[in-house]
Structures are given as structure tokens and as C-alpha cells.
N, C-alpha and C. Protein backbone atom coordinates (compact mmCIF):
# COMPACT_ATOMS: atom_id res chain seq x y z
N MET A 1 -128.19 12.51 -24.95
CA MET A 1 -128.72 12.35 -23.63
C MET A 1 -129.17 10.90 -23.48
N ARG A 2 -128.98 10.36 -22.29
CA ARG A 2 -129.41 8.98 -22.02
C ARG A 2 -130.86 8.99 -21.54
N ALA A 3 -131.60 7.99 -22.00
CA ALA A 3 -133.00 7.83 -21.59
C ALA A 3 -133.38 6.36 -21.71
N PHE A 4 -134.40 5.98 -20.97
CA PHE A 4 -134.99 4.66 -21.13
C PHE A 4 -136.04 4.79 -22.22
N VAL A 5 -135.90 4.01 -23.28
CA VAL A 5 -136.75 4.17 -24.46
C VAL A 5 -137.43 2.86 -24.82
N VAL A 6 -138.71 2.96 -25.14
CA VAL A 6 -139.49 1.82 -25.63
C VAL A 6 -139.79 2.09 -27.09
N GLU A 7 -139.38 1.17 -27.96
CA GLU A 7 -139.57 1.33 -29.41
C GLU A 7 -140.96 0.93 -29.87
N ALA A 8 -141.57 -0.06 -29.21
CA ALA A 8 -142.89 -0.55 -29.57
C ALA A 8 -143.64 -0.90 -28.29
N LEU A 9 -144.93 -0.57 -28.24
CA LEU A 9 -145.71 -0.86 -27.05
C LEU A 9 -145.71 -2.35 -26.76
N GLY A 10 -145.50 -2.68 -25.49
CA GLY A 10 -145.45 -4.07 -25.07
C GLY A 10 -144.08 -4.71 -25.19
N SER A 11 -143.10 -3.97 -25.73
CA SER A 11 -141.75 -4.53 -25.88
C SER A 11 -140.87 -4.09 -24.73
N SER A 12 -139.75 -4.77 -24.59
CA SER A 12 -138.77 -4.38 -23.58
C SER A 12 -138.08 -3.10 -24.03
N GLY A 13 -137.89 -2.20 -23.12
CA GLY A 13 -137.17 -0.97 -23.43
C GLY A 13 -135.70 -1.13 -23.12
N SER A 14 -134.94 -0.08 -23.40
CA SER A 14 -133.52 -0.09 -23.09
C SER A 14 -133.04 1.33 -22.89
N VAL A 15 -131.93 1.46 -22.21
CA VAL A 15 -131.30 2.76 -22.03
C VAL A 15 -130.43 3.03 -23.25
N ARG A 16 -130.64 4.20 -23.86
CA ARG A 16 -129.84 4.55 -25.03
C ARG A 16 -129.76 6.06 -25.16
N GLU A 17 -128.96 6.49 -26.09
CA GLU A 17 -128.79 7.92 -26.36
C GLU A 17 -129.90 8.41 -27.28
N ILE A 18 -130.50 9.55 -26.93
CA ILE A 18 -131.49 10.21 -27.79
C ILE A 18 -131.17 11.70 -27.82
N ASP A 19 -131.82 12.43 -28.72
CA ASP A 19 -131.62 13.87 -28.79
C ASP A 19 -132.16 14.55 -27.54
N GLU A 20 -131.50 15.64 -27.14
CA GLU A 20 -131.99 16.42 -26.01
C GLU A 20 -133.25 17.16 -26.41
N PRO A 21 -134.20 17.28 -25.49
CA PRO A 21 -135.42 18.03 -25.80
C PRO A 21 -135.12 19.52 -25.91
N LYS A 22 -135.86 20.19 -26.76
CA LYS A 22 -135.75 21.64 -26.93
C LYS A 22 -137.00 22.27 -26.33
N PRO A 23 -136.86 23.04 -25.27
CA PRO A 23 -138.05 23.64 -24.65
C PRO A 23 -138.76 24.58 -25.62
N GLU A 24 -140.07 24.53 -25.60
CA GLU A 24 -140.88 25.45 -26.38
C GLU A 24 -141.06 26.72 -25.56
N ALA A 25 -141.61 27.75 -26.18
CA ALA A 25 -141.81 29.03 -25.49
C ALA A 25 -142.55 28.81 -24.18
N GLY A 26 -142.00 29.36 -23.12
CA GLY A 26 -142.62 29.28 -21.80
C GLY A 26 -142.31 28.02 -21.02
N GLU A 27 -141.54 27.11 -21.56
CA GLU A 27 -141.23 25.86 -20.87
C GLU A 27 -139.87 25.91 -20.18
N LEU A 28 -139.74 25.10 -19.12
CA LEU A 28 -138.47 24.90 -18.44
C LEU A 28 -137.78 23.68 -19.03
N LEU A 29 -136.47 23.66 -18.95
CA LEU A 29 -135.70 22.46 -19.23
C LEU A 29 -135.10 22.03 -17.90
N VAL A 30 -135.40 20.80 -17.48
CA VAL A 30 -134.98 20.31 -16.17
C VAL A 30 -134.07 19.09 -16.34
N ARG A 31 -132.93 19.12 -15.63
CA ARG A 31 -132.06 17.94 -15.57
C ARG A 31 -132.63 17.03 -14.49
N VAL A 32 -133.05 15.86 -14.89
CA VAL A 32 -133.73 14.93 -13.98
C VAL A 32 -132.70 14.29 -13.05
N ARG A 33 -132.97 14.37 -11.74
CA ARG A 33 -132.13 13.72 -10.74
C ARG A 33 -132.80 12.46 -10.20
N ALA A 34 -134.13 12.45 -10.20
CA ALA A 34 -134.90 11.28 -9.76
C ALA A 34 -136.23 11.28 -10.50
N ALA A 35 -136.68 10.09 -10.87
CA ALA A 35 -137.96 9.95 -11.58
C ALA A 35 -138.80 8.90 -10.87
N GLY A 36 -140.10 9.16 -10.82
CA GLY A 36 -141.01 8.21 -10.20
C GLY A 36 -141.26 7.01 -11.12
N VAL A 37 -141.58 5.89 -10.49
CA VAL A 37 -141.95 4.67 -11.21
C VAL A 37 -143.22 4.16 -10.54
N ASN A 38 -144.29 4.00 -11.34
CA ASN A 38 -145.55 3.57 -10.74
C ASN A 38 -146.34 2.69 -11.71
N PRO A 39 -147.45 2.12 -11.26
CA PRO A 39 -148.22 1.21 -12.11
C PRO A 39 -148.71 1.84 -13.42
N PHE A 40 -148.98 3.13 -13.43
CA PHE A 40 -149.42 3.78 -14.67
C PHE A 40 -148.35 3.67 -15.74
N ASP A 41 -147.07 3.76 -15.36
CA ASP A 41 -145.98 3.63 -16.33
C ASP A 41 -146.01 2.25 -16.99
N VAL A 42 -146.33 1.22 -16.22
CA VAL A 42 -146.46 -0.14 -16.77
C VAL A 42 -147.58 -0.16 -17.80
N ALA A 43 -148.70 0.49 -17.49
CA ALA A 43 -149.83 0.54 -18.42
C ALA A 43 -149.46 1.27 -19.70
N VAL A 44 -148.71 2.35 -19.59
CA VAL A 44 -148.28 3.12 -20.77
C VAL A 44 -147.36 2.27 -21.63
N VAL A 45 -146.33 1.70 -21.04
CA VAL A 45 -145.34 0.92 -21.79
C VAL A 45 -145.98 -0.27 -22.49
N ASN A 46 -146.96 -0.89 -21.86
CA ASN A 46 -147.61 -2.05 -22.45
C ASN A 46 -148.74 -1.69 -23.40
N GLY A 47 -149.06 -0.40 -23.50
CA GLY A 47 -150.12 0.03 -24.42
C GLY A 47 -151.52 -0.18 -23.88
N TRP A 48 -151.66 -0.45 -22.59
CA TRP A 48 -152.97 -0.74 -22.02
C TRP A 48 -153.87 0.49 -21.99
N VAL A 49 -153.31 1.69 -22.07
CA VAL A 49 -154.11 2.92 -22.05
C VAL A 49 -154.01 3.66 -23.38
N ALA A 50 -153.50 3.01 -24.40
CA ALA A 50 -153.29 3.67 -25.70
C ALA A 50 -154.59 4.11 -26.36
N GLU A 51 -155.70 3.47 -26.05
CA GLU A 51 -156.96 3.90 -26.65
C GLU A 51 -157.53 5.14 -25.96
N PHE A 52 -156.96 5.51 -24.81
CA PHE A 52 -157.45 6.66 -24.05
C PHE A 52 -156.54 7.88 -24.16
N ILE A 53 -155.26 7.66 -24.47
CA ILE A 53 -154.30 8.75 -24.55
C ILE A 53 -153.28 8.44 -25.64
N GLU A 54 -152.93 9.45 -26.41
CA GLU A 54 -151.98 9.27 -27.51
C GLU A 54 -150.62 8.82 -26.97
N HIS A 55 -150.00 7.89 -27.68
CA HIS A 55 -148.65 7.42 -27.36
C HIS A 55 -147.76 7.76 -28.56
N ARG A 56 -146.65 8.43 -28.31
CA ARG A 56 -145.72 8.79 -29.37
C ARG A 56 -144.45 7.94 -29.23
N LEU A 57 -144.17 7.18 -30.28
CA LEU A 57 -143.01 6.30 -30.29
C LEU A 57 -141.86 6.94 -31.06
N PRO A 58 -140.62 6.66 -30.71
CA PRO A 58 -140.19 5.92 -29.52
C PRO A 58 -140.63 6.65 -28.26
N LEU A 59 -140.96 5.89 -27.25
CA LEU A 59 -141.60 6.41 -26.05
C LEU A 59 -140.64 6.39 -24.86
N VAL A 60 -140.51 7.53 -24.18
CA VAL A 60 -139.79 7.62 -22.91
C VAL A 60 -140.87 7.71 -21.84
N PRO A 61 -140.99 6.70 -20.97
CA PRO A 61 -142.02 6.73 -19.93
C PRO A 61 -141.65 7.68 -18.78
N GLY A 62 -142.56 7.78 -17.85
CA GLY A 62 -142.32 8.52 -16.62
C GLY A 62 -143.09 9.81 -16.54
N GLY A 63 -143.68 10.05 -15.37
CA GLY A 63 -144.46 11.27 -15.18
C GLY A 63 -144.00 12.13 -14.03
N GLU A 64 -143.37 11.55 -13.03
CA GLU A 64 -142.93 12.32 -11.87
C GLU A 64 -141.42 12.53 -11.92
N LEU A 65 -140.98 13.67 -11.39
CA LEU A 65 -139.56 13.96 -11.43
C LEU A 65 -139.15 14.94 -10.34
N SER A 66 -137.87 14.93 -10.07
CA SER A 66 -137.23 16.00 -9.31
C SER A 66 -135.90 16.26 -10.00
N GLY A 67 -135.45 17.49 -9.92
CA GLY A 67 -134.20 17.82 -10.59
C GLY A 67 -133.86 19.28 -10.50
N GLU A 68 -133.00 19.70 -11.42
CA GLU A 68 -132.46 21.06 -11.42
C GLU A 68 -132.81 21.75 -12.74
N VAL A 69 -133.32 22.97 -12.62
CA VAL A 69 -133.65 23.75 -13.81
C VAL A 69 -132.37 24.10 -14.55
N VAL A 70 -132.35 23.81 -15.85
CA VAL A 70 -131.20 24.12 -16.72
C VAL A 70 -131.48 25.40 -17.50
N GLU A 71 -132.71 25.52 -18.02
CA GLU A 71 -133.15 26.71 -18.75
C GLU A 71 -134.51 27.12 -18.24
N ALA A 72 -134.71 28.45 -18.08
CA ALA A 72 -136.00 28.96 -17.63
C ALA A 72 -136.30 30.26 -18.36
N PRO A 73 -137.52 30.40 -18.89
CA PRO A 73 -137.88 31.65 -19.54
C PRO A 73 -138.13 32.74 -18.51
N GLY A 74 -137.91 33.97 -18.90
CA GLY A 74 -138.21 35.09 -18.03
C GLY A 74 -139.67 35.09 -17.64
N GLY A 75 -139.94 35.46 -16.40
CA GLY A 75 -141.31 35.52 -15.93
C GLY A 75 -141.89 34.19 -15.49
N SER A 76 -141.10 33.12 -15.56
CA SER A 76 -141.60 31.80 -15.18
C SER A 76 -141.58 31.59 -13.67
N GLY A 77 -140.84 32.43 -12.96
CA GLY A 77 -140.69 32.25 -11.53
C GLY A 77 -139.55 31.32 -11.16
N PHE A 78 -138.85 30.81 -12.17
CA PHE A 78 -137.73 29.90 -11.95
C PHE A 78 -136.49 30.45 -12.65
N ALA A 79 -135.34 29.98 -12.17
CA ALA A 79 -134.06 30.36 -12.78
C ALA A 79 -133.18 29.11 -12.86
N ALA A 80 -132.22 29.15 -13.75
CA ALA A 80 -131.27 28.04 -13.85
C ALA A 80 -130.65 27.79 -12.48
N GLY A 81 -130.57 26.53 -12.10
CA GLY A 81 -130.02 26.14 -10.81
C GLY A 81 -131.07 25.85 -9.75
N ASP A 82 -132.31 26.30 -9.97
CA ASP A 82 -133.37 26.01 -9.00
C ASP A 82 -133.64 24.51 -8.94
N LEU A 83 -133.87 24.00 -7.75
CA LEU A 83 -134.25 22.61 -7.56
C LEU A 83 -135.77 22.52 -7.55
N VAL A 84 -136.31 21.58 -8.32
CA VAL A 84 -137.76 21.46 -8.47
C VAL A 84 -138.21 20.00 -8.38
N TYR A 85 -139.49 19.83 -8.14
CA TYR A 85 -140.12 18.51 -8.23
C TYR A 85 -141.51 18.71 -8.82
N GLY A 86 -142.06 17.67 -9.40
CA GLY A 86 -143.40 17.81 -9.95
C GLY A 86 -143.80 16.62 -10.79
N ALA A 87 -144.87 16.84 -11.55
CA ALA A 87 -145.41 15.80 -12.41
C ALA A 87 -145.76 16.38 -13.76
N LEU A 88 -145.44 15.64 -14.81
CA LEU A 88 -145.76 16.07 -16.17
C LEU A 88 -147.26 15.90 -16.41
N ASP A 89 -147.85 16.84 -17.10
CA ASP A 89 -149.27 16.77 -17.44
C ASP A 89 -149.41 17.13 -18.91
N ARG A 90 -149.40 16.10 -19.75
CA ARG A 90 -149.51 16.29 -21.19
C ARG A 90 -150.72 15.53 -21.71
N ASP A 91 -151.15 15.89 -22.90
CA ASP A 91 -152.26 15.20 -23.55
C ASP A 91 -151.79 13.94 -24.26
N TRP A 92 -150.52 13.58 -24.11
CA TRP A 92 -149.95 12.43 -24.79
C TRP A 92 -148.82 11.86 -23.94
N GLN A 93 -148.44 10.65 -24.25
CA GLN A 93 -147.32 9.97 -23.57
C GLN A 93 -146.18 9.79 -24.55
N GLY A 94 -144.95 9.90 -24.06
CA GLY A 94 -143.82 9.62 -24.93
C GLY A 94 -142.57 10.41 -24.62
N GLU A 95 -142.70 11.54 -23.96
CA GLU A 95 -141.53 12.35 -23.61
C GLU A 95 -141.52 12.51 -22.09
N GLY A 96 -141.28 11.38 -21.42
CA GLY A 96 -141.39 11.33 -19.97
C GLY A 96 -140.11 11.63 -19.22
N SER A 97 -140.17 11.35 -17.94
CA SER A 97 -139.10 11.73 -17.01
C SER A 97 -138.00 10.68 -16.86
N TRP A 98 -138.08 9.56 -17.56
CA TRP A 98 -137.02 8.56 -17.47
C TRP A 98 -135.91 8.93 -18.43
N ALA A 99 -135.43 10.14 -18.31
CA ALA A 99 -134.42 10.69 -19.22
C ALA A 99 -133.53 11.67 -18.47
N GLY A 100 -132.43 12.01 -19.07
CA GLY A 100 -131.51 12.96 -18.45
C GLY A 100 -132.06 14.36 -18.37
N LEU A 101 -132.85 14.76 -19.37
CA LEU A 101 -133.46 16.09 -19.42
C LEU A 101 -134.91 15.95 -19.83
N VAL A 102 -135.74 16.85 -19.33
CA VAL A 102 -137.15 16.88 -19.71
C VAL A 102 -137.61 18.33 -19.78
N ARG A 103 -138.50 18.60 -20.72
CA ARG A 103 -139.09 19.93 -20.79
C ARG A 103 -140.42 19.87 -20.07
N VAL A 104 -140.75 20.94 -19.35
CA VAL A 104 -141.94 20.93 -18.51
C VAL A 104 -142.48 22.35 -18.37
N ALA A 105 -143.79 22.47 -18.27
CA ALA A 105 -144.41 23.77 -18.04
C ALA A 105 -144.12 24.20 -16.60
N PRO A 106 -143.87 25.49 -16.36
CA PRO A 106 -143.55 25.95 -15.00
C PRO A 106 -144.62 25.60 -13.97
N GLY A 107 -145.89 25.55 -14.37
CA GLY A 107 -146.96 25.23 -13.43
C GLY A 107 -147.02 23.77 -13.01
N GLN A 108 -146.18 22.93 -13.61
CA GLN A 108 -146.19 21.50 -13.29
C GLN A 108 -145.09 21.13 -12.30
N VAL A 109 -144.30 22.11 -11.87
CA VAL A 109 -143.25 21.85 -10.88
C VAL A 109 -143.31 22.90 -9.78
N ALA A 110 -142.69 22.57 -8.66
CA ALA A 110 -142.59 23.49 -7.53
C ALA A 110 -141.16 23.45 -7.02
N ALA A 111 -140.77 24.54 -6.35
CA ALA A 111 -139.42 24.63 -5.78
C ALA A 111 -139.28 23.70 -4.58
């Protein structure tokens, strides 16, 4: 899967191939069609907020997304093919929406 990846905080990132995410129990897998870009992403990539929130390298930035559900667990209220938008809410940064696929909790997206 293609993603924008930062290898070290404060360095230039690049688009490259990485492994596809594997959704954990209860998570959706969403094919990203559009991702938000905002000042917080600049702060994450540069490490300006690293003392406040964990950063996992290599880091894929991005918090907002819209796209299509690829996998959905039963009872999530979503099914493969549903169009969704939302924002990731994790206790860490590094597996963001600047990628072809992202795993996300059902409560973080809407139809």
C-alpha cells in the first residue's frame, strides 16, 4: 500500500510502499479517498508535540479522512462499500490517514 511516511521527526517524508494495516477486533478498514491536511500534522511531523503524545516511527501523518469501508465487523453498523468520513482518535501518532488504507474504530466515522 502507498503512504506518505516520515522516518524521523523533523525530516522530509516520502511516498512509499508499506504493509497494509490489519484491523483489530471491532475496527473498520477504510480505503482512503481523501485525507485532511492541517497545522497539527506539521506539528506531529516536526516532533513539536512529541512530549505530549507518543509518536511511532516510521510515522504516517493525518487525522481526517473520507473513504470507503473495505472490512467491517458485524454489529458495527457499517458494511463493506459504505462511504464514510471522520477523524482518527488515538493515544499515539503514526498510523494516520495519509495512506491508501487505514484502520479506524466505528465510532470515529459517520456515513
